[in-house]
Amino acid sequence: TFASDDRRAVGACVFAMGRAAVTLDGVTLSSVAGFGLWVKHRSVARVRDCSFGEAGRTAIACFNDARVAVADSTIDGAGVHGVCLRGAARVALARVRVRGIFDLFFFDFIVRIFFCI
């Protein structure tokens, strides 16, 4: 999202808000200073066979009442969090490989996490 890693502002490769819905299939996402996927409010994201590479902050950020389902994917090398949830956000992970992450989950407020194996 930025050409340098000054980290003064945060953006995302893919950003969904409101009641938006996004489907990612077989893509690679990376961000110098921000998020790979940022989903907030009541938006929904379905991710399959994707690779989240170097993310300056977080590979997948899910806030408010958003829902994210990730399957058959890899999260590799996020700067702070592999997956970050806030509010009443929910994430389902199925066959997801996580490597080189300082912190997989960030807990803030009430978080509900469901694992699908």
PDB file of N, CA and C in Angstrom:
ATOM      1  N   THR A   1       0.795  -1.200   0.000  1.00  0.00           N
ATOM      2  CA  THR A   1       0.000   0.000   0.000  1.00  0.00           C
ATOM      3  C   THR A   1       0.840   1.267   0.000  1.00  0.00           C
ATOM      4  N   PHE A   2       2.055   1.207   0.476  1.00  0.00           N
ATOM      5  CA  PHE A   2       2.954   2.350   0.442  1.00  0.00           C
ATOM      6  C   PHE A   2       4.303   1.907  -0.098  1.00  0.00           C
ATOM      7  N   ALA A   3       5.056   2.834  -0.648  1.00  0.00           N
ATOM      8  CA  ALA A   3       6.364   2.521  -1.208  1.00  0.00           C
ATOM      9  C   ALA A   3       7.438   2.464  -0.127  1.00  0.00           C
ATOM     10  N   SER A   4       7.169   2.983   1.045  1.00  0.00           N
ATOM     11  CA  SER A   4       8.121   2.920   2.148  1.00  0.00           C
ATOM     12  C   SER A   4       7.422   2.345   3.365  1.00  0.00           C
ATOM     13  N   ASP A   5       8.203   2.093   4.391  1.00  0.00           N
ATOM     14  CA  ASP A   5       7.582   1.517   5.585  1.00  0.00           C
ATOM     15  C   ASP A   5       7.515   2.542   6.717  1.00  0.00           C
ATOM     16  N   ASP A   6       7.135   3.777   6.406  1.00  0.00           N
ATOM     17  CA  ASP A   6       7.038   4.799   7.441  1.00  0.00           C
ATOM     18  C   ASP A   6       5.892   4.541   8.408  1.00  0.00           C
ATOM     19  N   ARG A   7       4.909   3.708   8.029  1.00  0.00           N
ATOM     20  CA  ARG A   7       3.809   3.255   8.884  1.00  0.00           C
ATOM     21  C   ARG A   7       2.987   4.393   9.490  1.00  0.00           C
ATOM     22  N   ARG A   8       2.985   5.573   8.866  1.00  0.00           N
ATOM     23  CA  ARG A   8       2.194   6.690   9.372  1.00  0.00           C
ATOM     24  C   ARG A   8       0.724   6.549   9.018  1.00  0.00           C
ATOM     25  N   ALA A   9       0.418   5.850   7.986  1.00  0.00           N
ATOM     26  CA  ALA A   9      -0.972   5.634   7.572  1.00  0.00           C
ATOM     27  C   ALA A   9      -1.140   4.154   7.238  1.00  0.00           C
ATOM     28  N   VAL A  10      -2.350   3.674   7.353  1.00  0.00           N
ATOM     29  CA  VAL A  10      -2.598   2.251   7.094  1.00  0.00           C
ATOM     30  C   VAL A  10      -3.630   2.121   5.993  1.00  0.00           C
ATOM     31  N   GLY A  11      -3.324   1.288   5.047  1.00  0.00           N
ATOM     32  CA  GLY A  11      -4.258   0.952   3.993  1.00  0.00           C
ATOM     33  C   GLY A  11      -4.340  -0.557   3.892  1.00  0.00           C
ATOM     34  N   ALA A  12      -4.954  -1.036   2.835  1.00  0.00           N
ATOM     35  CA  ALA A  12      -5.097  -2.478   2.646  1.00  0.00           C
ATOM     36  C   ALA A  12      -5.071  -2.806   1.166  1.00  0.00           C
ATOM     37  N   CYS A  13      -4.628  -4.016   0.850  1.00  0.00           N
ATOM     38  CA  CYS A  13      -4.711  -4.484  -0.531  1.00  0.00           C
ATOM     39  C   CYS A  13      -6.170  -4.617  -0.936  1.00  0.00           C
ATOM     40  N   VAL A  14      -6.980  -5.210  -0.062  1.00  0.00           N
ATOM     41  CA  VAL A  14      -8.417  -5.352  -0.295  1.00  0.00           C
ATOM     42  C   VAL A  14      -9.127  -4.839   0.956  1.00  0.00           C
ATOM     43  N   PHE A  15     -10.074  -3.901   0.767  1.00  0.00           N
ATOM     44  CA  PHE A  15     -10.790  -3.279   1.875  1.00  0.00           C
ATOM     45  C   PHE A  15     -12.290  -3.395   1.625  1.00  0.00           C
ATOM     46  N   ALA A  16     -13.017  -3.999   2.563  1.00  0.00           N
ATOM     47  CA  ALA A  16     -14.468  -4.139   2.447  1.00  0.00           C
ATOM     48  C   ALA A  16     -15.108  -3.539   3.689  1.00  0.00           C
ATOM     49  N   MET A  17     -16.128  -2.692   3.473  1.00  0.00           N
ATOM     50  CA  MET A  17     -16.819  -2.089   4.608  1.00  0.00           C
ATOM     51  C   MET A  17     -18.316  -2.018   4.336  1.00  0.00           C
ATOM     52  N   GLY A  18     -19.078  -1.634   5.355  1.00  0.00           N
ATOM     53  CA  GLY A  18     -20.528  -1.593   5.203  1.00  0.00           C
ATOM     54  C   GLY A  18     -21.081  -3.005   5.162  1.00  0.00           C
ATOM     55  N   ARG A  19     -21.821  -3.315   4.111  1.00  0.00           N
ATOM     56  CA  ARG A  19     -22.363  -4.667   3.909  1.00  0.00           C
ATOM     57  C   ARG A  19     -21.763  -5.313   2.660  1.00  0.00           C
ATOM     58  N   ALA A  20     -20.562  -4.921   2.335  1.00  0.00           N
ATOM     59  CA  ALA A  20     -19.892  -5.440   1.138  1.00  0.00           C
ATOM     60  C   ALA A  20     -19.557  -6.919   1.293  1.00  0.00           C
ATOM     61  N   ALA A  21     -19.394  -7.584   0.164  1.00  0.00           N
ATOM     62  CA  ALA A  21     -18.977  -8.985   0.143  1.00  0.00           C
ATOM     63  C   ALA A  21     -17.860  -9.125  -0.874  1.00  0.00           C
ATOM     64  N   VAL A  22     -16.827  -9.861  -0.502  1.00  0.00           N
ATOM     65  CA  VAL A  22     -15.700 -10.070  -1.397  1.00  0.00           C
ATOM     66  C   VAL A  22     -15.314 -11.548  -1.372  1.00  0.00           C
ATOM     67  N   THR A  23     -14.948 -12.057  -2.529  1.00  0.00           N
ATOM     68  CA  THR A  23     -14.446 -13.424  -2.651  1.00  0.00           C
ATOM     69  C   THR A  23     -13.069 -13.365  -3.285  1.00  0.00           C
ATOM     70  N   LEU A  24     -12.089 -13.977  -2.631  1.00  0.00           N
ATOM     71  CA  LEU A  24     -10.727 -14.048  -3.154  1.00  0.00           C
ATOM     72  C   LEU A  24     -10.398 -15.512  -3.389  1.00  0.00           C
ATOM     73  N   ASP A  25      -9.944 -15.828  -4.585  1.00  0.00           N
ATOM     74  CA  ASP A  25      -9.636 -17.212  -4.937  1.00  0.00           C
ATOM     75  C   ASP A  25      -8.327 -17.256  -5.714  1.00  0.00           C
ATOM     76  N   GLY A  26      -7.301 -17.829  -5.105  1.00  0.00           N
ATOM     77  CA  GLY A  26      -6.025 -18.017  -5.785  1.00  0.00           C
ATOM     78  C   GLY A  26      -5.220 -16.748  -6.003  1.00  0.00           C
ATOM     79  N   VAL A  27      -5.300 -15.795  -5.081  1.00  0.00           N
ATOM     80  CA  VAL A  27      -4.543 -14.552  -5.221  1.00  0.00           C
ATOM     81  C   VAL A  27      -3.452 -14.465  -4.154  1.00  0.00           C
ATOM     82  N   THR A  28      -2.482 -13.578  -4.403  1.00  0.00           N
ATOM     83  CA  THR A  28      -1.422 -13.288  -3.448  1.00  0.00           C
ATOM     84  C   THR A  28      -1.546 -11.828  -3.041  1.00  0.00           C
ATOM     85  N   LEU A  29      -1.558 -11.567  -1.729  1.00  0.00           N
ATOM     86  CA  LEU A  29      -1.688 -10.210  -1.214  1.00  0.00           C
ATOM     87  C   LEU A  29      -0.492  -9.878  -0.332  1.00  0.00           C
ATOM     88  N   SER A  30       0.051  -8.667  -0.494  1.00  0.00           N
ATOM     89  CA  SER A  30       1.106  -8.188   0.393  1.00  0.00           C
ATOM     90  C   SER A  30       1.017  -6.672   0.480  1.00  0.00           C
ATOM     91  N   SER A  31       1.485  -6.125   1.592  1.00  0.00           N
ATOM     92  CA  SER A  31       1.405  -4.692   1.841  1.00  0.00           C
ATOM     93  C   SER A  31       2.635  -4.252   2.626  1.00  0.00           C
ATOM     94  N   VAL A  32       3.279  -3.171   2.207  1.00  0.00           N
ATOM     95  CA  VAL A  32       4.478  -2.702   2.890  1.00  0.00           C
ATOM     96  C   VAL A  32       4.173  -2.269   4.317  1.00  0.00           C
ATOM     97  N   ALA A  33       3.103  -1.484   4.511  1.00  0.00           N
ATOM     98  CA  ALA A  33       2.853  -0.913   5.830  1.00  0.00           C
ATOM     99  C   ALA A  33       1.461  -1.182   6.384  1.00  0.00           C
ATOM    100  N   GLY A  34       0.603  -1.847   5.655  1.00  0.00           N
ATOM    101  CA  GLY A  34      -0.784  -1.977   6.097  1.00  0.00           C
ATOM    102  C   GLY A  34      -1.257  -3.401   6.254  1.00  0.00           C
ATOM    103  N   PHE A  35      -2.509  -3.614   5.808  1.00  0.00           N
ATOM    104  CA  PHE A  35      -3.180  -4.905   5.907  1.00  0.00           C
ATOM    105  C   PHE A  35      -3.232  -5.577   4.542  1.00  0.00           C
ATOM    106  N   GLY A  36      -3.239  -6.903   4.540  1.00  0.00           N
ATOM    107  CA  GLY A  36      -3.508  -7.629   3.306  1.00  0.00           C
ATOM    108  C   GLY A  36      -4.990  -7.560   2.982  1.00  0.00           C
ATOM    109  N   LEU A  37      -5.819  -7.979   3.933  1.00  0.00           N
ATOM    110  CA  LEU A  37      -7.281  -7.951   3.803  1.00  0.00           C
ATOM    111  C   LEU A  37      -7.851  -7.251   5.026  1.00  0.00           C
ATOM    112  N   TRP A  38      -8.684  -6.225   4.807  1.00  0.00           N
ATOM    113  CA  TRP A  38      -9.297  -5.468   5.898  1.00  0.00           C
ATOM    114  C   TRP A  38     -10.801  -5.504   5.687  1.00  0.00           C
ATOM    115  N   VAL A  39     -11.516  -6.139   6.624  1.00  0.00           N
ATOM    116  CA  VAL A  39     -12.958  -6.326   6.517  1.00  0.00           C
ATOM    117  C   VAL A  39     -13.591  -5.734   7.776  1.00  0.00           C
ATOM    118  N   LYS A  40     -14.547  -4.786   7.603  1.00  0.00           N
ATOM    119  CA  LYS A  40     -15.155  -4.174   8.774  1.00  0.00           C
ATOM    120  C   LYS A  40     -16.645  -3.955   8.596  1.00  0.00           C
ATOM    121  N   HIS A  41     -17.288  -3.497   9.653  1.00  0.00           N
ATOM    122  CA  HIS A  41     -18.737  -3.315   9.753  1.00  0.00           C
ATOM    123  C   HIS A  41     -19.421  -4.674   9.599  1.00  0.00           C
ATOM    124  N   ARG A  42     -20.345  -4.819   8.670  1.00  0.00           N
ATOM    125  CA  ARG A  42     -21.037  -6.106   8.482  1.00  0.00           C
ATOM    126  C   ARG A  42     -20.623  -6.780   7.176  1.00  0.00           C
ATOM    127  N   SER A  43     -19.465  -6.448   6.696  1.00  0.00           N
ATOM    128  CA  SER A  43     -19.012  -7.044   5.436  1.00  0.00           C
ATOM    129  C   SER A  43     -18.552  -8.484   5.656  1.00  0.00           C
ATOM    130  N   VAL A  44     -18.466  -9.211   4.544  1.00  0.00           N
ATOM    131  CA  VAL A  44     -18.129 -10.631   4.557  1.00  0.00           C
ATOM    132  C   VAL A  44     -17.038 -10.892   3.528  1.00  0.00           C
ATOM    133  N   ALA A  45     -16.073 -11.736   3.886  1.00  0.00           N
ATOM    134  CA  ALA A  45     -15.028 -12.126   2.935  1.00  0.00           C
ATOM    135  C   ALA A  45     -14.880 -13.641   2.950  1.00  0.00           C
ATOM    136  N   ARG A  46     -14.787 -14.199   1.756  1.00  0.00           N
ATOM    137  CA  ARG A  46     -14.523 -15.632   1.579  1.00  0.00           C
ATOM    138  C   ARG A  46     -13.209 -15.755   0.827  1.00  0.00           C
ATOM    139  N   VAL A  47     -12.263 -16.456   1.431  1.00  0.00           N
ATOM    140  CA  VAL A  47     -10.903 -16.550   0.895  1.00  0.00           C
ATOM    141  C   VAL A  47     -10.558 -18.021   0.720  1.00  0.00           C
ATOM    142  N   ARG A  48     -10.073 -18.378  -0.478  1.00  0.00           N
ATOM    143  CA  ARG A  48      -9.684 -19.768  -0.736  1.00  0.00           C
ATOM    144  C   ARG A  48      -8.430 -19.808  -1.592  1.00  0.00           C
ATOM    145  N   ASP A  49      -7.506 -20.658  -1.213  1.00  0.00           N
ATOM    146  CA  ASP A  49      -6.282 -20.897  -1.980  1.00  0.00           C
ATOM    147  C   ASP A  49      -5.510 -19.595  -2.221  1.00  0.00           C
ATOM    148  N   CYS A  50      -5.345 -18.811  -1.155  1.00  0.00           N
ATOM    149  CA  CYS A  50      -4.648 -17.528  -1.268  1.00  0.00           C
ATOM    150  C   CYS A  50      -3.381 -17.531  -0.429  1.00  0.00           C
ATOM    151  N   SER A  51      -2.489 -16.600  -0.753  1.00  0.00           N
ATOM    152  CA  SER A  51      -1.246 -16.426  -0.020  1.00  0.00           C
ATOM    153  C   SER A  51      -1.173 -14.993   0.477  1.00  0.00           C
ATOM    154  N   PHE A  52      -1.030 -14.841   1.791  1.00  0.00           N
ATOM    155  CA  PHE A  52      -0.831 -13.532   2.386  1.00  0.00           C
ATOM    156  C   PHE A  52       0.644 -13.421   2.713  1.00  0.00           C
ATOM    157  N   GLY A  53       1.357 -12.641   1.929  1.00  0.00           N
ATOM    158  CA  GLY A  53       2.801 -12.463   2.125  1.00  0.00           C
ATOM    159  C   GLY A  53       3.072 -11.324   3.075  1.00  0.00           C
ATOM    160  N   GLU A  54       4.259 -10.781   2.986  1.00  0.00           N
ATOM    161  CA  GLU A  54       4.678  -9.696   3.865  1.00  0.00           C
ATOM    162  C   GLU A  54       3.609  -8.621   4.004  1.00  0.00           C
ATOM    163  N   ALA A  55       3.121  -8.438   5.213  1.00  0.00           N
ATOM    164  CA  ALA A  55       2.178  -7.363   5.535  1.00  0.00           C
ATOM    165  C   ALA A  55       2.813  -6.546   6.650  1.00  0.00           C
ATOM    166  N   GLY A  56       2.912  -5.247   6.457  1.00  0.00           N
ATOM    167  CA  GLY A  56       3.549  -4.394   7.453  1.00  0.00           C
ATOM    168  C   GLY A  56       2.899  -4.475   8.816  1.00  0.00           C
ATOM    169  N   ARG A  57       1.578  -4.614   8.851  1.00  0.00           N
ATOM    170  CA  ARG A  57       0.865  -4.709  10.125  1.00  0.00           C
ATOM    171  C   ARG A  57       0.201  -6.064  10.289  1.00  0.00           C
ATOM    172  N   THR A  58      -0.829  -6.334   9.474  1.00  0.00           N
ATOM    173  CA  THR A  58      -1.665  -7.508   9.691  1.00  0.00           C
ATOM    174  C   THR A  58      -2.070  -8.132   8.362  1.00  0.00           C
ATOM    175  N   ALA A  59      -2.004  -9.449   8.281  1.00  0.00           N
ATOM    176  CA  ALA A  59      -2.429 -10.130   7.051  1.00  0.00           C
ATOM    177  C   ALA A  59      -3.939 -10.011   6.868  1.00  0.00           C
ATOM    178  N   ILE A  60      -4.717 -10.351   7.915  1.00  0.00           N
ATOM    179  CA  ILE A  60      -6.182 -10.287   7.846  1.00  0.00           C
ATOM    180  C   ILE A  60      -6.692  -9.535   9.066  1.00  0.00           C
ATOM    181  N   ALA A  61      -7.354  -8.391   8.826  1.00  0.00           N
ATOM    182  CA  ALA A  61      -7.947  -7.594   9.900  1.00  0.00           C
ATOM    183  C   ALA A  61      -9.465  -7.659   9.758  1.00  0.00           C
ATOM    184  N   CYS A  62     -10.139  -8.029  10.824  1.00  0.00           N
ATOM    185  CA  CYS A  62     -11.585  -8.226  10.805  1.00  0.00           C
ATOM    186  C   CYS A  62     -12.180  -7.484  12.000  1.00  0.00           C
ATOM    187  N   PHE A  63     -12.951  -6.411  11.732  1.00  0.00           N
ATOM    188  CA  PHE A  63     -13.441  -5.538  12.793  1.00  0.00           C
ATOM    189  C   PHE A  63     -14.966  -5.483  12.826  1.00  0.00           C
ATOM    190  N   ASN A  64     -15.500  -5.013  13.943  1.00  0.00           N
ATOM    191  CA  ASN A  64     -16.927  -4.791  14.154  1.00  0.00           C
ATOM    192  C   ASN A  64     -17.704  -6.105  14.068  1.00  0.00           C
ATOM    193  N   ASP A  65     -18.666  -6.221  13.153  1.00  0.00           N
ATOM    194  CA  ASP A  65     -19.473  -7.436  12.989  1.00  0.00           C
ATOM    195  C   ASP A  65     -19.111  -8.196  11.716  1.00  0.00           C
ATOM    196  N   ALA A  66     -17.944  -7.967  11.203  1.00  0.00           N
ATOM    197  CA  ALA A  66     -17.534  -8.597   9.944  1.00  0.00           C
ATOM    198  C   ALA A  66     -17.298 -10.097  10.128  1.00  0.00           C
ATOM    199  N   ARG A  67     -17.389 -10.820   9.016  1.00  0.00           N
ATOM    200  CA  ARG A  67     -17.171 -12.264   8.995  1.00  0.00           C
ATOM    201  C   ARG A  67     -16.156 -12.596   7.899  1.00  0.00           C
ATOM    202  N   VAL A  68     -15.204 -13.466   8.240  1.00  0.00           N
ATOM    203  CA  VAL A  68     -14.196 -13.893   7.275  1.00  0.00           C
ATOM    204  C   VAL A  68     -14.052 -15.400   7.363  1.00  0.00           C
ATOM    205  N   ALA A  69     -14.042 -16.066   6.217  1.00  0.00           N
ATOM    206  CA  ALA A  69     -13.783 -17.508   6.141  1.00  0.00           C
ATOM    207  C   ALA A  69     -12.576 -17.712   5.229  1.00  0.00           C
ATOM    208  N   VAL A  70     -11.549 -18.382   5.754  1.00  0.00           N
ATOM    209  CA  VAL A  70     -10.315 -18.605   5.014  1.00  0.00           C
ATOM    210  C   VAL A  70     -10.053 -20.101   4.949  1.00  0.00           C
ATOM    211  N   ALA A  71      -9.803 -20.618   3.741  1.00  0.00           N
ATOM    212  CA  ALA A  71      -9.518 -22.048   3.572  1.00  0.00           C
ATOM    213  C   ALA A  71      -8.352 -22.247   2.615  1.00  0.00           C
ATOM    214  N   ASP A  72      -7.581 -23.296   2.876  1.00  0.00           N
ATOM    215  CA  ASP A  72      -6.503 -23.731   1.977  1.00  0.00           C
ATOM    216  C   ASP A  72      -5.579 -22.581   1.602  1.00  0.00           C
ATOM    217  N   SER A  73      -5.151 -21.812   2.596  1.00  0.00           N
ATOM    218  CA  SER A  73      -4.352 -20.616   2.346  1.00  0.00           C
ATOM    219  C   SER A  73      -3.134 -20.577   3.259  1.00  0.00           C
ATOM    220  N   THR A  74      -2.238 -19.608   2.996  1.00  0.00           N
ATOM    221  CA  THR A  74      -1.020 -19.431   3.775  1.00  0.00           C
ATOM    222  C   THR A  74      -0.901 -17.984   4.233  1.00  0.00           C
ATOM    223  N   ILE A  75      -0.573 -17.801   5.499  1.00  0.00           N
ATOM    224  CA  ILE A  75      -0.273 -16.483   6.053  1.00  0.00           C
ATOM    225  C   ILE A  75       1.186 -16.525   6.445  1.00  0.00           C
ATOM    226  N   ASP A  76       1.990 -15.649   5.840  1.00  0.00           N
ATOM    227  CA  ASP A  76       3.434 -15.740   6.005  1.00  0.00           C
ATOM    228  C   ASP A  76       4.062 -14.354   6.177  1.00  0.00           C
ATOM    229  N   GLY A  77       4.672 -14.103   7.306  1.00  0.00           N
ATOM    230  CA  GLY A  77       5.493 -12.925   7.488  1.00  0.00           C
ATOM    231  C   GLY A  77       4.789 -11.617   7.777  1.00  0.00           C
ATOM    232  N   ALA A  78       3.662 -11.619   8.452  1.00  0.00           N
ATOM    233  CA  ALA A  78       3.017 -10.361   8.827  1.00  0.00           C
ATOM    234  C   ALA A  78       3.838  -9.678   9.916  1.00  0.00           C
ATOM    235  N   GLY A  79       3.888  -8.337   9.860  1.00  0.00           N
ATOM    236  CA  GLY A  79       4.719  -7.584  10.790  1.00  0.00           C
ATOM    237  C   GLY A  79       4.281  -7.669  12.242  1.00  0.00           C
ATOM    238  N   VAL A  80       2.969  -7.644  12.497  1.00  0.00           N
ATOM    239  CA  VAL A  80       2.477  -7.652  13.878  1.00  0.00           C
ATOM    240  C   VAL A  80       1.543  -8.833  14.122  1.00  0.00           C
ATOM    241  N   HIS A  81       0.448  -8.934  13.344  1.00  0.00           N
ATOM    242  CA  HIS A  81      -0.551  -9.985  13.557  1.00  0.00           C
ATOM    243  C   HIS A  81      -0.813 -10.745  12.262  1.00  0.00           C
ATOM    244  N   GLY A  82      -0.947 -12.035  12.389  1.00  0.00           N
ATOM    245  CA  GLY A  82      -1.406 -12.823  11.251  1.00  0.00           C
ATOM    246  C   GLY A  82      -2.885 -12.558  11.013  1.00  0.00           C
ATOM    247  N   VAL A  83      -3.678 -12.657  12.099  1.00  0.00           N
ATOM    248  CA  VAL A  83      -5.114 -12.382  12.053  1.00  0.00           C
ATOM    249  C   VAL A  83      -5.446 -11.501  13.246  1.00  0.00           C
ATOM    250  N   CYS A  84      -6.141 -10.389  12.998  1.00  0.00           N
ATOM    251  CA  CYS A  84      -6.516  -9.453  14.053  1.00  0.00           C
ATOM    252  C   CYS A  84      -8.032  -9.295  14.047  1.00  0.00           C
ATOM    253  N   LEU A  85      -8.651  -9.498  15.204  1.00  0.00           N
ATOM    254  CA  LEU A  85     -10.108  -9.359  15.323  1.00  0.00           C
ATOM    255  C   LEU A  85     -10.442  -8.351  16.405  1.00  0.00           C
ATOM    256  N   ARG A  86     -11.500  -7.570  16.152  1.00  0.00           N
ATOM    257  CA  ARG A  86     -11.985  -6.619  17.155  1.00  0.00           C
ATOM    258  C   ARG A  86     -13.505  -6.624  17.148  1.00  0.00           C
ATOM    259  N   GLY A  87     -14.083  -6.246  18.273  1.00  0.00           N
ATOM    260  CA  GLY A  87     -15.542  -6.180  18.375  1.00  0.00           C
ATOM    261  C   GLY A  87     -16.155  -7.567  18.371  1.00  0.00           C
ATOM    262  N   ALA A  88     -17.209  -7.744  17.597  1.00  0.00           N
ATOM    263  CA  ALA A  88     -17.898  -9.034  17.492  1.00  0.00           C
ATOM    264  C   ALA A  88     -17.516  -9.755  16.208  1.00  0.00           C
ATOM    265  N   ALA A  89     -16.366  -9.448  15.683  1.00  0.00           N
ATOM    266  CA  ALA A  89     -15.897 -10.075  14.439  1.00  0.00           C
ATOM    267  C   ALA A  89     -15.720 -11.579  14.613  1.00  0.00           C
ATOM    268  N   ARG A  90     -15.876 -12.295  13.495  1.00  0.00           N
ATOM    269  CA  ARG A  90     -15.687 -13.751  13.504  1.00  0.00           C
ATOM    270  C   ARG A  90     -14.820 -14.161  12.326  1.00  0.00           C
ATOM    271  N   VAL A  91     -13.982 -15.153  12.573  1.00  0.00           N
ATOM    272  CA  VAL A  91     -13.164 -15.707  11.496  1.00  0.00           C
ATOM    273  C   VAL A  91     -13.188 -17.224  11.596  1.00  0.00           C
ATOM    274  N   ALA A  92     -13.248 -17.873  10.442  1.00  0.00           N
ATOM    275  CA  ALA A  92     -13.162 -19.341  10.378  1.00  0.00           C
ATOM    276  C   ALA A  92     -11.931 -19.678   9.554  1.00  0.00           C
ATOM    277  N   LEU A  93     -11.050 -20.497  10.104  1.00  0.00           N
ATOM    278  CA  LEU A  93      -9.834 -20.913   9.411  1.00  0.00           C
ATOM    279  C   LEU A  93      -9.889 -22.415   9.175  1.00  0.00           C
ATOM    280  N   ALA A  94      -9.678 -22.823   7.936  1.00  0.00           N
ATOM    281  CA  ALA A  94      -9.663 -24.252   7.598  1.00  0.00           C
ATOM    282  C   ALA A  94      -8.449 -24.531   6.725  1.00  0.00           C
ATOM    283  N   ARG A  95      -7.581 -25.397   7.200  1.00  0.00           N
ATOM    284  CA  ARG A  95      -6.375 -25.764   6.461  1.00  0.00           C
ATOM    285  C   ARG A  95      -5.557 -24.531   6.084  1.00  0.00           C
ATOM    286  N   VAL A  96      -5.291 -23.692   7.082  1.00  0.00           N
ATOM    287  CA  VAL A  96      -4.509 -22.474   6.900  1.00  0.00           C
ATOM    288  C   VAL A  96      -3.152 -22.659   7.570  1.00  0.00           C
ATOM    289  N   ARG A  97      -2.076 -22.425   6.806  1.00  0.00           N
ATOM    290  CA  ARG A  97      -0.718 -22.523   7.342  1.00  0.00           C
ATOM    291  C   ARG A  97      -0.260 -21.126   7.733  1.00  0.00           C
ATOM    292  N   VAL A  98       0.254 -21.002   8.960  1.00  0.00           N
ATOM    293  CA  VAL A  98       0.743 -19.725   9.463  1.00  0.00           C
ATOM    294  C   VAL A  98       2.222 -19.873   9.778  1.00  0.00           C
ATOM    295  N   ARG A  99       3.042 -18.952   9.188  1.00  0.00           N
ATOM    296  CA  ARG A  99       4.491 -19.018   9.396  1.00  0.00           C
ATOM    297  C   ARG A  99       5.040 -17.614   9.627  1.00  0.00           C
ATOM    298  N   GLY A 100       6.053 -17.515  10.480  1.00  0.00           N
ATOM    299  CA  GLY A 100       6.782 -16.274  10.666  1.00  0.00           C
ATOM    300  C   GLY A 100       5.963 -15.117  11.186  1.00  0.00           C
ATOM    301  N   ILE A 101       5.018 -15.394  12.069  1.00  0.00           N
ATOM    302  CA  ILE A 101       4.133 -14.359  12.591  1.00  0.00           C
ATOM    303  C   ILE A 101       4.459 -14.129  14.061  1.00  0.00           C
ATOM    304  N   PHE A 102       4.576 -12.869  14.439  1.00  0.00           N
ATOM    305  CA  PHE A 102       4.829 -12.519  15.841  1.00  0.00           C
ATOM    306  C   PHE A 102       3.627 -12.884  16.708  1.00  0.00           C
ATOM    307  N   ASP A 103       2.434 -12.592  16.225  1.00  0.00           N
ATOM    308  CA  ASP A 103       1.224 -12.775  17.031  1.00  0.00           C
ATOM    309  C   ASP A 103       0.097 -13.227  16.104  1.00  0.00           C
ATOM    310  N   LEU A 104      -0.478 -14.394  16.314  1.00  0.00           N
ATOM    311  CA  LEU A 104      -1.538 -14.876  15.434  1.00  0.00           C
ATOM    312  C   LEU A 104      -2.848 -14.137  15.656  1.00  0.00           C
ATOM    313  N   PHE A 105      -3.253 -13.973  16.883  1.00  0.00           N
ATOM    314  CA  PHE A 105      -4.537 -13.320  17.158  1.00  0.00           C
ATOM    315  C   PHE A 105      -4.363 -12.173  18.148  1.00  0.00           C
ATOM    316  N   PHE A 106      -5.031 -11.091  17.875  1.00  0.00           N
ATOM    317  CA  PHE A 106      -5.063  -9.940  18.777  1.00  0.00           C
ATOM    318  C   PHE A 106      -6.470  -9.852  19.343  1.00  0.00           C
ATOM    319  N   PHE A 107      -6.576  -9.928  20.646  1.00  0.00           N
ATOM    320  CA  PHE A 107      -7.889  -9.912  21.269  1.00  0.00           C
ATOM    321  C   PHE A 107      -8.203  -8.513  21.780  1.00  0.00           C
ATOM    322  N   ASP A 108      -9.311  -7.969  21.342  1.00  0.00           N
ATOM    323  CA  ASP A 108      -9.734  -6.646  21.766  1.00  0.00           C
ATOM    324  C   ASP A 108     -11.254  -6.672  21.878  1.00  0.00           C
ATOM    325  N   PHE A 109     -11.790  -6.212  22.975  1.00  0.00           N
ATOM    326  CA  PHE A 109     -13.221  -6.258  23.242  1.00  0.00           C
ATOM    327  C   PHE A 109     -13.658  -7.726  23.340  1.00  0.00           C
ATOM    328  N   ILE A 110     -14.845  -8.045  22.888  1.00  0.00           N
ATOM    329  CA  ILE A 110     -15.326  -9.436  22.919  1.00  0.00           C
ATOM    330  C   ILE A 110     -15.119 -10.047  21.541  1.00  0.00           C
ATOM    331  N   VAL A 111     -14.355 -11.084  21.465  1.00  0.00           N
ATOM    332  CA  VAL A 111     -14.022 -11.713  20.186  1.00  0.00           C
ATOM    333  C   VAL A 111     -14.482 -13.161  20.198  1.00  0.00           C
ATOM    334  N   ARG A 112     -15.117 -13.561  19.135  1.00  0.00           N
ATOM    335  CA  ARG A 112     -15.526 -14.943  18.993  1.00  0.00           C
ATOM    336  C   ARG A 112     -14.764 -15.545  17.820  1.00  0.00           C
ATOM    337  N   ILE A 113     -14.020 -16.605  18.077  1.00  0.00           N
ATOM    338  CA  ILE A 113     -13.216 -17.233  17.049  1.00  0.00           C
ATOM    339  C   ILE A 113     -13.679 -18.674  16.882  1.00  0.00           C
ATOM    340  N   PHE A 114     -13.935 -19.034  15.640  1.00  0.00           N
ATOM    341  CA  PHE A 114     -14.371 -20.381  15.348  1.00  0.00           C
ATOM    342  C   PHE A 114     -13.366 -21.020  14.391  1.00  0.00           C
ATOM    343  N   PHE A 115     -12.898 -22.214  14.725  1.00  0.00           N
ATOM    344  CA  PHE A 115     -11.967 -22.924  13.867  1.00  0.00           C
ATOM    345  C   PHE A 115     -12.705 -24.050  13.158  1.00  0.00           C
ATOM    346  N   CYS A 116     -12.583 -24.101  11.864  1.00  0.00           N
ATOM    347  CA  CYS A 116     -13.177 -25.182  11.079  1.00  0.00           C
ATOM    348  C   CYS A 116     -12.053 -26.059  10.560  1.00  0.00           C
ATOM    349  N   ILE A 117     -12.063 -27.305  10.961  1.00  0.00           N
ATOM    350  CA  ILE A 117     -10.988 -28.209  10.524  1.00  0.00           C
ATOM    351  C   ILE A 117     -11.591 -29.296   9.664  1.00  0.00           C
TER     352      ILE A 117
END
